[in-house]
N, C-alpha and C. Protein backbone atom coordinates (compact mmCIF):
# COMPACT_ATOMS: atom_id res chain seq x y z
N UNK A 1 -92.77 -8.16 15.43
CA UNK A 1 -92.29 -9.52 15.51
C UNK A 1 -93.49 -10.46 15.50
N UNK A 2 -93.44 -11.47 14.66
CA UNK A 2 -94.57 -12.37 14.45
C UNK A 2 -94.97 -13.14 15.71
N UNK A 3 -94.00 -13.54 16.52
CA UNK A 3 -94.33 -14.29 17.74
C UNK A 3 -95.20 -13.46 18.68
N UNK A 4 -94.85 -12.21 18.86
CA UNK A 4 -95.63 -11.33 19.74
C UNK A 4 -97.03 -11.13 19.17
N UNK A 5 -97.11 -10.94 17.86
CA UNK A 5 -98.41 -10.78 17.20
C UNK A 5 -99.31 -12.00 17.44
N UNK A 6 -98.75 -13.18 17.26
CA UNK A 6 -99.52 -14.41 17.48
C UNK A 6 -99.97 -14.55 18.93
N UNK A 7 -99.09 -14.23 19.86
CA UNK A 7 -99.43 -14.35 21.28
C UNK A 7 -100.54 -13.37 21.65
N UNK A 8 -100.61 -12.23 20.99
CA UNK A 8 -101.71 -11.28 21.23
C UNK A 8 -103.01 -11.79 20.61
N UNK A 9 -102.92 -12.32 19.41
CA UNK A 9 -104.10 -12.84 18.72
C UNK A 9 -104.74 -13.97 19.52
N UNK A 10 -103.90 -14.86 20.06
CA UNK A 10 -104.39 -16.05 20.76
C UNK A 10 -104.27 -15.92 22.28
N UNK A 11 -104.33 -14.72 22.79
CA UNK A 11 -104.17 -14.49 24.24
C UNK A 11 -105.24 -15.20 25.06
N UNK A 12 -106.41 -15.42 24.50
CA UNK A 12 -107.48 -16.08 25.24
C UNK A 12 -107.35 -17.60 25.26
N UNK A 13 -106.40 -18.18 24.52
CA UNK A 13 -106.28 -19.64 24.46
C UNK A 13 -105.57 -20.21 25.68
N UNK A 14 -104.51 -19.80 26.22
CA UNK A 14 -103.49 -18.86 25.77
C UNK A 14 -102.39 -19.55 24.96
N UNK A 15 -101.68 -18.75 24.20
CA UNK A 15 -100.56 -19.24 23.41
C UNK A 15 -99.28 -18.85 24.12
N UNK A 16 -98.40 -19.82 24.38
CA UNK A 16 -97.12 -19.49 25.01
C UNK A 16 -96.03 -19.38 23.94
N UNK A 17 -94.82 -19.10 24.37
CA UNK A 17 -93.71 -18.89 23.45
C UNK A 17 -93.44 -20.12 22.60
N UNK A 18 -93.52 -21.30 23.18
CA UNK A 18 -93.28 -22.53 22.42
C UNK A 18 -94.34 -22.72 21.34
N UNK A 19 -95.60 -22.46 21.68
CA UNK A 19 -96.68 -22.58 20.70
C UNK A 19 -96.47 -21.61 19.54
N UNK A 20 -96.19 -20.36 19.88
CA UNK A 20 -95.99 -19.34 18.84
C UNK A 20 -94.77 -19.66 17.97
N UNK A 21 -93.73 -20.18 18.58
CA UNK A 21 -92.53 -20.55 17.82
C UNK A 21 -92.82 -21.65 16.81
N UNK A 22 -93.64 -22.61 17.20
CA UNK A 22 -93.98 -23.70 16.28
C UNK A 22 -94.84 -23.20 15.12
N UNK A 23 -95.75 -22.29 15.39
CA UNK A 23 -96.57 -21.72 14.32
C UNK A 23 -95.69 -20.92 13.35
N UNK A 24 -94.77 -20.12 13.88
CA UNK A 24 -93.87 -19.34 13.03
C UNK A 24 -92.97 -20.27 12.21
N UNK A 25 -92.48 -21.32 12.82
CA UNK A 25 -91.66 -22.29 12.08
C UNK A 25 -92.46 -22.92 10.95
N UNK A 26 -93.73 -23.24 11.20
CA UNK A 26 -94.59 -23.80 10.16
C UNK A 26 -94.79 -22.80 9.03
N UNK A 27 -94.96 -21.53 9.38
CA UNK A 27 -95.12 -20.49 8.36
C UNK A 27 -93.87 -20.34 7.51
N UNK A 28 -92.72 -20.37 8.14
CA UNK A 28 -91.47 -20.13 7.41
C UNK A 28 -91.02 -21.32 6.58
N UNK A 29 -91.43 -22.53 6.95
CA UNK A 29 -91.00 -23.72 6.23
C UNK A 29 -92.09 -24.31 5.34
N UNK A 30 -93.31 -23.79 5.48
CA UNK A 30 -94.48 -24.29 4.75
C UNK A 30 -94.82 -25.73 5.14
N UNK A 31 -94.36 -26.17 6.28
CA UNK A 31 -94.72 -27.49 6.81
C UNK A 31 -95.91 -27.32 7.74
N UNK A 32 -96.92 -28.12 7.55
CA UNK A 32 -98.12 -27.97 8.38
C UNK A 32 -98.40 -29.19 9.25
N UNK A 33 -97.61 -30.24 9.13
CA UNK A 33 -97.77 -31.41 9.99
C UNK A 33 -96.86 -31.26 11.19
N UNK A 34 -97.47 -31.35 12.39
CA UNK A 34 -96.71 -31.21 13.62
C UNK A 34 -96.95 -32.42 14.50
N UNK A 35 -96.12 -32.57 15.51
CA UNK A 35 -96.21 -33.67 16.46
C UNK A 35 -96.21 -33.06 17.86
N UNK A 36 -97.37 -33.06 18.52
CA UNK A 36 -97.48 -32.45 19.83
C UNK A 36 -98.60 -33.11 20.63
N UNK A 37 -98.49 -33.06 21.94
CA UNK A 37 -99.57 -33.52 22.82
C UNK A 37 -100.46 -32.36 23.25
N UNK A 38 -100.19 -31.18 22.74
CA UNK A 38 -100.95 -29.97 23.07
C UNK A 38 -102.18 -29.88 22.18
N UNK A 39 -103.35 -29.86 22.76
CA UNK A 39 -104.59 -29.84 21.98
C UNK A 39 -104.93 -28.47 21.41
N UNK A 40 -104.23 -27.41 21.81
CA UNK A 40 -104.53 -26.06 21.32
C UNK A 40 -104.26 -25.89 19.84
N UNK A 41 -103.53 -26.79 19.24
CA UNK A 41 -103.18 -26.62 17.84
C UNK A 41 -104.36 -26.81 16.90
N UNK A 42 -105.50 -27.22 17.41
CA UNK A 42 -106.71 -27.24 16.59
C UNK A 42 -107.25 -25.83 16.38
N UNK A 43 -106.81 -24.89 17.21
CA UNK A 43 -107.26 -23.51 17.16
C UNK A 43 -106.29 -22.64 16.35
N UNK A 44 -105.01 -22.86 16.48
CA UNK A 44 -104.01 -22.01 15.86
C UNK A 44 -104.02 -22.13 14.35
N UNK A 45 -103.75 -21.00 13.67
CA UNK A 45 -103.67 -20.95 12.21
C UNK A 45 -102.39 -20.26 11.81
N UNK A 46 -101.83 -20.68 10.69
CA UNK A 46 -100.68 -19.99 10.13
C UNK A 46 -101.18 -18.81 9.31
N UNK A 47 -100.29 -17.96 8.87
CA UNK A 47 -100.67 -16.82 8.03
C UNK A 47 -101.44 -17.34 6.83
N UNK A 48 -102.52 -16.68 6.50
CA UNK A 48 -103.35 -17.14 5.40
C UNK A 48 -104.37 -18.17 5.84
N UNK A 49 -104.59 -18.28 7.14
CA UNK A 49 -105.57 -19.20 7.73
C UNK A 49 -105.26 -20.67 7.49
N UNK A 50 -103.98 -21.00 7.41
CA UNK A 50 -103.61 -22.40 7.22
C UNK A 50 -103.75 -23.20 8.50
N UNK A 51 -104.28 -24.40 8.37
CA UNK A 51 -104.45 -25.29 9.51
C UNK A 51 -103.14 -26.05 9.76
N UNK A 52 -102.90 -26.37 11.01
CA UNK A 52 -101.79 -27.25 11.38
C UNK A 52 -102.38 -28.62 11.67
N UNK A 53 -101.75 -29.64 11.13
CA UNK A 53 -102.22 -31.00 11.31
C UNK A 53 -101.36 -31.70 12.36
N UNK A 54 -101.98 -32.01 13.50
CA UNK A 54 -101.27 -32.68 14.59
C UNK A 54 -101.31 -34.18 14.35
N UNK A 55 -100.19 -34.78 14.12
CA UNK A 55 -100.11 -36.21 13.84
C UNK A 55 -100.48 -37.07 15.04
N UNK A 56 -100.45 -36.51 16.24
CA UNK A 56 -100.84 -37.26 17.45
C UNK A 56 -102.31 -37.09 17.80
N UNK A 57 -103.04 -36.26 17.08
CA UNK A 57 -104.43 -35.97 17.43
C UNK A 57 -105.29 -37.21 17.62
N UNK A 58 -105.16 -38.25 16.80
CA UNK A 58 -105.98 -39.44 17.01
C UNK A 58 -105.73 -40.16 18.33
N UNK A 59 -104.60 -39.87 18.95
CA UNK A 59 -104.22 -40.56 20.19
C UNK A 59 -104.46 -39.73 21.44
N UNK A 60 -104.95 -38.53 21.28
CA UNK A 60 -105.17 -37.64 22.43
C UNK A 60 -106.56 -37.76 22.98
C-alpha cells in the first residue's frame, strides 16, 4: 500500500496519515498544487520525484 510505503520513507520527518494521503492523491490525480499550513511539504515528493507546490508557502 502506497501510504504505508510513504510513511516509512519519510519516517524521520515524520509523515502522518493525512500527509501521506495528500501525496497519494497528488500522485493519482497528477495535481501538484496543494494548500496547507504544514511546512513538511517542501520535503515530500510524489512518485518520480515530483515536487508539491504549496500555494500558502509565501505566507508561512
